PDB file of all heavy atoms in Angstrom:
ATOM      1  N   PHE A   1     -45.812 102.895  45.857  1.00  0.00           N
ATOM      2  CA  PHE A   1     -44.391 103.021  46.158  1.00  0.00           C
ATOM      3  C   PHE A   1     -43.589 103.272  44.885  1.00  0.00           C
ATOM      4  O   PHE A   1     -42.750 104.170  44.824  1.00  0.00           O
ATOM      5  CB  PHE A   1     -43.889 101.748  46.842  1.00  0.00           C
ATOM      6  CG  PHE A   1     -42.430 101.772  47.188  1.00  0.00           C
ATOM      7  CD1 PHE A   1     -41.995 102.338  48.372  1.00  0.00           C
ATOM      8  CD2 PHE A   1     -41.482 101.231  46.323  1.00  0.00           C
ATOM      9  CE1 PHE A   1     -40.641 102.363  48.697  1.00  0.00           C
ATOM     10  CE2 PHE A   1     -40.130 101.257  46.634  1.00  0.00           C
ATOM     11  CZ  PHE A   1     -39.705 101.824  47.827  1.00  0.00           C
ATOM     12  N   ASN A   2     -43.845 102.505  43.862  1.00  0.00           N
ATOM     13  CA  ASN A   2     -43.089 102.601  42.612  1.00  0.00           C
ATOM     14  C   ASN A   2     -43.305 103.945  41.932  1.00  0.00           C
ATOM     15  O   ASN A   2     -42.379 104.505  41.345  1.00  0.00           O
ATOM     16  CB  ASN A   2     -43.496 101.467  41.669  1.00  0.00           C
ATOM     17  CG  ASN A   2     -42.558 101.305  40.511  1.00  0.00           C
ATOM     18  OD1 ASN A   2     -41.343 101.407  40.659  1.00  0.00           O
ATOM     19  ND2 ASN A   2     -43.105 101.053  39.335  1.00  0.00           N
ATOM     20  N   SER A   3     -44.510 104.488  42.008  1.00  0.00           N
ATOM     21  CA  SER A   3     -44.798 105.755  41.342  1.00  0.00           C
ATOM     22  C   SER A   3     -44.132 106.931  42.041  1.00  0.00           C
ATOM     23  O   SER A   3     -43.913 107.979  41.435  1.00  0.00           O
ATOM     24  CB  SER A   3     -46.308 105.998  41.283  1.00  0.00           C
ATOM     25  OG  SER A   3     -46.841 106.220  42.577  1.00  0.00           O
ATOM     26  N   LYS A   4     -43.779 106.765  43.323  1.00  0.00           N
ATOM     27  CA  LYS A   4     -43.185 107.864  44.074  1.00  0.00           C
ATOM     28  C   LYS A   4     -41.666 107.827  44.103  1.00  0.00           C
ATOM     29  O   LYS A   4     -41.031 108.813  44.480  1.00  0.00           O
ATOM     30  CB  LYS A   4     -43.716 107.874  45.516  1.00  0.00           C
ATOM     31  CG  LYS A   4     -45.189 108.229  45.608  1.00  0.00           C
ATOM     32  CD  LYS A   4     -45.657 108.220  47.038  1.00  0.00           C
ATOM     33  CE  LYS A   4     -47.134 108.574  47.111  1.00  0.00           C
ATOM     34  NZ  LYS A   4     -47.408 109.942  46.645  1.00  0.00           N
ATOM     35  N   VAL A   5     -41.071 106.732  43.677  1.00  0.00           N
ATOM     36  CA  VAL A   5     -39.618 106.596  43.776  1.00  0.00           C
ATOM     37  C   VAL A   5     -38.907 107.710  43.011  1.00  0.00           C
ATOM     38  O   VAL A   5     -37.951 108.309  43.492  1.00  0.00           O
ATOM     39  CB  VAL A   5     -39.171 105.218  43.249  1.00  0.00           C
ATOM     40  CG1 VAL A   5     -37.659 105.183  43.053  1.00  0.00           C
ATOM     41  CG2 VAL A   5     -39.586 104.135  44.230  1.00  0.00           C
ATOM     42  N   ASP A   6     -39.393 108.011  41.800  1.00  0.00           N
ATOM     43  CA  ASP A   6     -38.734 109.017  40.986  1.00  0.00           C
ATOM     44  C   ASP A   6     -39.190 110.433  41.294  1.00  0.00           C
ATOM     45  O   ASP A   6     -38.712 111.386  40.699  1.00  0.00           O
ATOM     46  CB  ASP A   6     -38.972 108.726  39.496  1.00  0.00           C
ATOM     47  CG  ASP A   6     -38.332 107.414  39.064  1.00  0.00           C
ATOM     48  OD1 ASP A   6     -37.302 107.053  39.668  1.00  0.00           O
ATOM     49  OD2 ASP A   6     -38.863 106.755  38.157  1.00  0.00           O
ATOM     50  N   GLN A   7     -40.130 110.579  42.239  1.00  0.00           N
ATOM     51  CA  GLN A   7     -40.653 111.896  42.562  1.00  0.00           C
ATOM     52  C   GLN A   7     -40.178 112.376  43.929  1.00  0.00           C
ATOM     53  O   GLN A   7     -40.637 113.399  44.404  1.00  0.00           O
ATOM     54  CB  GLN A   7     -42.186 111.869  42.548  1.00  0.00           C
ATOM     55  CG  GLN A   7     -42.792 111.408  41.221  1.00  0.00           C
ATOM     56  CD  GLN A   7     -44.293 111.256  41.320  1.00  0.00           C
ATOM     57  OE1 GLN A   7     -44.935 111.800  42.215  1.00  0.00           O
ATOM     58  NE2 GLN A   7     -44.872 110.506  40.411  1.00  0.00           N
ATOM     59  N   CYS A   8     -39.245 111.651  44.516  1.00  0.00           N
ATOM     60  CA  CYS A   8     -38.805 111.959  45.883  1.00  0.00           C
ATOM     61  C   CYS A   8     -40.019 112.112  46.801  1.00  0.00           C
ATOM     62  O   CYS A   8     -40.123 113.044  47.581  1.00  0.00           O
ATOM     63  CB  CYS A   8     -37.924 113.215  45.927  1.00  0.00           C
ATOM     64  SG  CYS A   8     -36.991 113.371  47.454  1.00  0.00           S
ATOM     65  N   PHE A   9     -41.008 111.205  46.647  1.00  0.00           N
ATOM     66  CA  PHE A   9     -42.193 111.146  47.485  1.00  0.00           C
ATOM     67  C   PHE A   9     -43.097 112.373  47.325  1.00  0.00           C
ATOM     68  O   PHE A   9     -43.740 112.811  48.255  1.00  0.00           O
ATOM     69  CB  PHE A   9     -41.819 110.936  48.951  1.00  0.00           C
ATOM     70  CG  PHE A   9     -41.101 109.665  49.182  1.00  0.00           C
ATOM     71  CD1 PHE A   9     -39.723 109.629  49.203  1.00  0.00           C
ATOM     72  CD2 PHE A   9     -41.795 108.488  49.339  1.00  0.00           C
ATOM     73  CE1 PHE A   9     -39.049 108.438  49.393  1.00  0.00           C
ATOM     74  CE2 PHE A   9     -41.132 107.299  49.533  1.00  0.00           C
ATOM     75  CZ  PHE A   9     -39.757 107.269  49.561  1.00  0.00           C
ATOM     76  N   GLY A  10     -43.125 112.930  46.128  1.00  0.00           N
ATOM     77  CA  GLY A  10     -44.092 113.980  45.842  1.00  0.00           C
ATOM     78  C   GLY A  10     -43.655 115.340  46.351  1.00  0.00           C
ATOM     79  O   GLY A  10     -42.468 115.638  46.465  1.00  0.00           O
ATOM     80  N   GLU A  11     -44.639 116.219  46.656  1.00  0.00           N
ATOM     81  CA  GLU A  11     -44.347 117.611  46.991  1.00  0.00           C
ATOM     82  C   GLU A  11     -43.658 117.745  48.344  1.00  0.00           C
ATOM     83  O   GLU A  11     -42.852 118.653  48.550  1.00  0.00           O
ATOM     84  CB  GLU A  11     -45.640 118.422  46.965  1.00  0.00           C
ATOM     85  CG  GLU A  11     -46.282 118.492  45.569  1.00  0.00           C
ATOM     86  CD  GLU A  11     -47.571 119.278  45.572  1.00  0.00           C
ATOM     87  OE1 GLU A  11     -47.945 119.774  46.653  1.00  0.00           O
ATOM     88  OE2 GLU A  11     -48.192 119.398  44.508  1.00  0.00           O
ATOM     89  N   LEU A  12     -44.000 116.903  49.292  1.00  0.00           N
ATOM     90  CA  LEU A  12     -43.376 116.954  50.607  1.00  0.00           C
ATOM     91  C   LEU A  12     -42.067 116.168  50.539  1.00  0.00           C
ATOM     92  O   LEU A  12     -42.080 114.947  50.369  1.00  0.00           O
ATOM     93  CB  LEU A  12     -44.318 116.355  51.654  1.00  0.00           C
ATOM     94  CG  LEU A  12     -43.987 116.589  53.125  1.00  0.00           C
ATOM     95  CD1 LEU A  12     -45.230 116.391  53.986  1.00  0.00           C
ATOM     96  CD2 LEU A  12     -42.905 115.643  53.609  1.00  0.00           C
ATOM     97  N   GLU A  13     -40.950 116.866  50.646  1.00  0.00           N
ATOM     98  CA  GLU A  13     -39.649 116.214  50.474  1.00  0.00           C
ATOM     99  C   GLU A  13     -39.358 115.285  51.646  1.00  0.00           C
ATOM    100  O   GLU A  13     -39.392 115.688  52.803  1.00  0.00           O
ATOM    101  CB  GLU A  13     -38.538 117.249  50.355  1.00  0.00           C
ATOM    102  CG  GLU A  13     -37.171 116.612  50.103  1.00  0.00           C
ATOM    103  CD  GLU A  13     -36.057 117.635  50.004  1.00  0.00           C
ATOM    104  OE1 GLU A  13     -36.281 118.799  50.381  1.00  0.00           O
ATOM    105  OE2 GLU A  13     -34.964 117.250  49.554  1.00  0.00           O
ATOM    106  N   VAL A  14     -39.077 114.048  51.311  1.00  0.00           N
ATOM    107  CA  VAL A  14     -38.723 113.055  52.317  1.00  0.00           C
ATOM    108  C   VAL A  14     -37.336 112.527  51.995  1.00  0.00           C
ATOM    109  O   VAL A  14     -37.093 112.006  50.919  1.00  0.00           O
ATOM    110  CB  VAL A  14     -39.738 111.899  52.348  1.00  0.00           C
ATOM    111  CG1 VAL A  14     -39.285 110.830  53.325  1.00  0.00           C
ATOM    112  CG2 VAL A  14     -41.113 112.413  52.742  1.00  0.00           C
ATOM    113  N   LEU A  15     -36.427 112.668  52.950  1.00  0.00           N
ATOM    114  CA  LEU A  15     -35.064 112.177  52.797  1.00  0.00           C
ATOM    115  C   LEU A  15     -34.949 110.788  53.420  1.00  0.00           C
ATOM    116  O   LEU A  15     -35.760 110.414  54.280  1.00  0.00           O
ATOM    117  CB  LEU A  15     -34.094 113.141  53.478  1.00  0.00           C
ATOM    118  CG  LEU A  15     -34.134 114.595  52.985  1.00  0.00           C
ATOM    119  CD1 LEU A  15     -33.206 115.461  53.827  1.00  0.00           C
ATOM    120  CD2 LEU A  15     -33.785 114.693  51.508  1.00  0.00           C
ATOM    121  N   PRO A  16     -33.941 110.015  53.002  1.00  0.00           N
ATOM    122  CA  PRO A  16     -33.776 108.681  53.587  1.00  0.00           C
ATOM    123  C   PRO A  16     -33.742 108.688  55.112  1.00  0.00           C
ATOM    124  O   PRO A  16     -34.310 107.789  55.750  1.00  0.00           O
ATOM    125  CB  PRO A  16     -32.449 108.211  52.992  1.00  0.00           C
ATOM    126  CG  PRO A  16     -32.370 108.907  51.671  1.00  0.00           C
ATOM    127  CD  PRO A  16     -32.977 110.258  51.904  1.00  0.00           C
ATOM    128  N   VAL A  17     -33.124 109.695  55.703  1.00  0.00           N
ATOM    129  CA  VAL A  17     -33.011 109.739  57.166  1.00  0.00           C
ATOM    130  C   VAL A  17     -34.383 109.879  57.826  1.00  0.00           C
ATOM    131  O   VAL A  17     -34.564 109.485  58.990  1.00  0.00           O
ATOM    132  CB  VAL A  17     -32.063 110.881  57.594  1.00  0.00           C
ATOM    133  CG1 VAL A  17     -32.685 112.252  57.368  1.00  0.00           C
ATOM    134  CG2 VAL A  17     -31.606 110.705  59.027  1.00  0.00           C
ATOM    135  N   HIS A  18     -35.346 110.442  57.111  1.00  0.00           N
ATOM    136  CA  HIS A  18     -36.688 110.570  57.673  1.00  0.00           C
ATOM    137  C   HIS A  18     -37.356 109.221  57.891  1.00  0.00           C
ATOM    138  O   HIS A  18     -38.324 109.124  58.654  1.00  0.00           O
ATOM    139  CB  HIS A  18     -37.560 111.431  56.752  1.00  0.00           C
ATOM    140  CG  HIS A  18     -37.143 112.861  56.689  1.00  0.00           C
ATOM    141  ND1 HIS A  18     -37.294 113.641  55.560  1.00  0.00           N
ATOM    142  CD2 HIS A  18     -36.548 113.664  57.617  1.00  0.00           C
ATOM    143  CE1 HIS A  18     -36.826 114.852  55.789  1.00  0.00           C
ATOM    144  NE2 HIS A  18     -36.378 114.892  57.029  1.00  0.00           N
ATOM    145  N   ALA A  19     -36.861 108.194  57.218  1.00  0.00           N
ATOM    146  CA  ALA A  19     -37.428 106.857  57.403  1.00  0.00           C
ATOM    147  C   ALA A  19     -37.281 106.397  58.849  1.00  0.00           C
ATOM    148  O   ALA A  19     -38.103 105.613  59.344  1.00  0.00           O
ATOM    149  CB  ALA A  19     -36.763 105.864  56.453  1.00  0.00           C
ATOM    150  N   ILE A  20     -36.251 106.882  59.538  1.00  0.00           N
ATOM    151  CA  ILE A  20     -36.109 106.568  60.969  1.00  0.00           C
ATOM    152  C   ILE A  20     -37.314 107.103  61.724  1.00  0.00           C
ATOM    153  O   ILE A  20     -37.930 106.405  62.538  1.00  0.00           O
ATOM    154  CB  ILE A  20     -34.806 107.180  61.527  1.00  0.00           C
ATOM    155  CG1 ILE A  20     -33.586 106.543  60.860  1.00  0.00           C
ATOM    156  CG2 ILE A  20     -34.746 107.013  63.048  1.00  0.00           C
ATOM    157  CD1 ILE A  20     -32.270 107.208  61.237  1.00  0.00           C
ATOM    158  N   GLY A  21     -37.660 108.359  61.451  1.00  0.00           N
ATOM    159  CA  GLY A  21     -38.827 108.958  62.090  1.00  0.00           C
ATOM    160  C   GLY A  21     -40.107 108.238  61.728  1.00  0.00           C
ATOM    161  O   GLY A  21     -40.998 108.086  62.566  1.00  0.00           O
ATOM    162  N   ALA A  22     -40.198 107.789  60.468  1.00  0.00           N
ATOM    163  CA  ALA A  22     -41.401 107.087  60.030  1.00  0.00           C
ATOM    164  C   ALA A  22     -41.578 105.773  60.779  1.00  0.00           C
ATOM    165  O   ALA A  22     -42.701 105.411  61.170  1.00  0.00           O
ATOM    166  CB  ALA A  22     -41.336 106.835  58.528  1.00  0.00           C
ATOM    167  N   VAL A  23     -40.495 105.043  60.981  1.00  0.00           N
ATOM    168  CA  VAL A  23     -40.572 103.792  61.748  1.00  0.00           C
ATOM    169  C   VAL A  23     -41.066 104.079  63.163  1.00  0.00           C
ATOM    170  O   VAL A  23     -41.957 103.386  63.677  1.00  0.00           O
ATOM    171  CB  VAL A  23     -39.195 103.092  61.788  1.00  0.00           C
ATOM    172  CG1 VAL A  23     -39.223 101.918  62.771  1.00  0.00           C
ATOM    173  CG2 VAL A  23     -38.799 102.606  60.400  1.00  0.00           C
ATOM    174  N   ASN A  24     -40.514 105.107  63.783  1.00  0.00           N
ATOM    175  CA  ASN A  24     -40.905 105.427  65.157  1.00  0.00           C
ATOM    176  C   ASN A  24     -42.356 105.890  65.246  1.00  0.00           C
ATOM    177  O   ASN A  24     -43.066 105.559  66.208  1.00  0.00           O
ATOM    178  CB  ASN A  24     -39.960 106.484  65.733  1.00  0.00           C
ATOM    179  CG  ASN A  24     -38.557 105.949  65.933  1.00  0.00           C
ATOM    180  OD1 ASN A  24     -38.355 104.738  66.064  1.00  0.00           O
ATOM    181  ND2 ASN A  24     -37.567 106.828  65.952  1.00  0.00           N
ATOM    182  N   LEU A  25     -42.806 106.664  64.245  1.00  0.00           N
ATOM    183  CA  LEU A  25     -44.209 107.096  64.226  1.00  0.00           C
ATOM    184  C   LEU A  25     -45.136 105.902  64.023  1.00  0.00           C
ATOM    185  O   LEU A  25     -46.222 105.840  64.614  1.00  0.00           O
ATOM    186  CB  LEU A  25     -44.423 108.135  63.125  1.00  0.00           C
ATOM    187  CG  LEU A  25     -43.796 109.510  63.343  1.00  0.00           C
ATOM    188  CD1 LEU A  25     -44.016 110.382  62.108  1.00  0.00           C
ATOM    189  CD2 LEU A  25     -44.369 110.190  64.585  1.00  0.00           C
ATOM    190  N   ALA A  26     -44.723 104.971  63.179  1.00  0.00           N
ATOM    191  CA  ALA A  26     -45.529 103.771  62.963  1.00  0.00           C
ATOM    192  C   ALA A  26     -45.681 102.979  64.250  1.00  0.00           C
ATOM    193  O   ALA A  26     -46.761 102.457  64.560  1.00  0.00           O
ATOM    194  CB  ALA A  26     -44.891 102.910  61.878  1.00  0.00           C
ATOM    195  N   ARG A  27     -44.601 102.879  65.022  1.00  0.00           N
ATOM    196  CA  ARG A  27     -44.662 102.175  66.308  1.00  0.00           C
ATOM    197  C   ARG A  27     -45.560 102.925  67.294  1.00  0.00           C
ATOM    198  O   ARG A  27     -46.368 102.329  68.010  1.00  0.00           O
ATOM    199  CB  ARG A  27     -43.256 102.035  66.889  1.00  0.00           C
ATOM    200  CG  ARG A  27     -42.326 101.137  66.085  1.00  0.00           C
ATOM    201  CD  ARG A  27     -42.855  99.730  66.002  1.00  0.00           C
ATOM    202  NE  ARG A  27     -41.875  98.814  65.395  1.00  0.00           N
ATOM    203  CZ  ARG A  27     -42.154  97.572  65.039  1.00  0.00           C
ATOM    204  NH1 ARG A  27     -43.372  97.090  65.224  1.00  0.00           N
ATOM    205  NH2 ARG A  27     -41.226  96.807  64.497  1.00  0.00           N
ATOM    206  N   LEU A  28     -45.420 104.251  67.329  1.00  0.00           N
ATOM    207  CA  LEU A  28     -46.184 105.071  68.272  1.00  0.00           C
ATOM    208  C   LEU A  28     -47.675 104.971  68.014  1.00  0.00           C
ATOM    209  O   LEU A  28     -48.469 104.838  68.960  1.00  0.00           O
ATOM    210  CB  LEU A  28     -45.743 106.534  68.156  1.00  0.00           C
ATOM    211  CG  LEU A  28     -46.521 107.547  68.994  1.00  0.00           C
ATOM    212  CD1 LEU A  28     -46.227 107.347  70.476  1.00  0.00           C
ATOM    213  CD2 LEU A  28     -46.177 108.981  68.562  1.00  0.00           C
ATOM    214  N   THR A  29     -48.066 105.004  66.744  1.00  0.00           N
ATOM    215  CA  THR A  29     -49.485 105.072  66.390  1.00  0.00           C
ATOM    216  C   THR A  29     -50.092 103.721  66.042  1.00  0.00           C
ATOM    217  O   THR A  29     -51.276 103.651  65.717  1.00  0.00           O
ATOM    218  CB  THR A  29     -49.675 106.020  65.191  1.00  0.00           C
ATOM    219  OG1 THR A  29     -48.955 105.517  64.055  1.00  0.00           O
ATOM    220  CG2 THR A  29     -49.191 107.422  65.522  1.00  0.00           C
ATOM    221  N   GLY A  30     -49.302 102.657  66.089  1.00  0.00           N
ATOM    222  CA  GLY A  30     -49.819 101.343  65.740  1.00  0.00           C
ATOM    223  C   GLY A  30     -50.210 101.251  64.277  1.00  0.00           C
ATOM    224  O   GLY A  30     -51.308 100.794  63.956  1.00  0.00           O
ATOM    225  N   THR A  31     -49.295 101.678  63.394  1.00  0.00           N
ATOM    226  CA  THR A  31     -49.550 101.670  61.955  1.00  0.00           C
ATOM    227  C   THR A  31     -48.518 100.776  61.280  1.00  0.00           C
ATOM    228  O   THR A  31     -47.564 101.252  60.646  1.00  0.00           O
ATOM    229  CB  THR A  31     -49.467 103.105  61.380  1.00  0.00           C
ATOM    230  OG1 THR A  31     -50.208 104.000  62.209  1.00  0.00           O
ATOM    231  CG2 THR A  31     -50.032 103.151  59.959  1.00  0.00           C
ATOM    232  N   PRO A  32     -48.671  99.449  61.385  1.00  0.00           N
ATOM    233  CA  PRO A  32     -47.631  98.533  60.898  1.00  0.00           C
ATOM    234  C   PRO A  32     -47.439  98.559  59.388  1.00  0.00           C
ATOM    235  O   PRO A  32     -46.373  98.168  58.903  1.00  0.00           O
ATOM    236  CB  PRO A  32     -48.127  97.159  61.364  1.00  0.00           C
ATOM    237  CG  PRO A  32     -49.601  97.322  61.539  1.00  0.00           C
ATOM    238  CD  PRO A  32     -49.795  98.732  62.010  1.00  0.00           C
ATOM    239  N   SER A  33     -48.439  99.018  58.616  1.00  0.00           N
ATOM    240  CA  SER A  33     -48.290  99.010  57.164  1.00  0.00           C
ATOM    241  C   SER A  33     -47.186  99.949  56.681  1.00  0.00           C
ATOM    242  O   SER A  33     -46.690  99.817  55.566  1.00  0.00           O
ATOM    243  CB  SER A  33     -49.614  99.395  56.493  1.00  0.00           C
ATOM    244  OG  SER A  33     -49.957 100.743  56.764  1.00  0.00           O
ATOM    245  N   VAL A  34     -46.791 100.894  57.532  1.00  0.00           N
ATOM    246  CA  VAL A  34     -45.714 101.829  57.184  1.00  0.00           C
ATOM    247  C   VAL A  34     -44.340 101.173  57.327  1.00  0.00           C
ATOM    248  O   VAL A  34     -43.379 101.559  56.653  1.00  0.00           O
ATOM    249  CB  VAL A  34     -45.802 103.091  58.085  1.00  0.00           C
ATOM    250  CG1 VAL A  34     -44.534 103.943  58.009  1.00  0.00           C
ATOM    251  CG2 VAL A  34     -47.024 103.923  57.699  1.00  0.00           C
TER     252      VAL A  34
END
């Protein structure tokens, strides 16, 4: 997590609003670590 903070999550651009989608995907797929 710390290494990606200054890289905007690497080559695939992730915006703060995408975190909403990430939460929903985690719920859908049963991936609580996300």
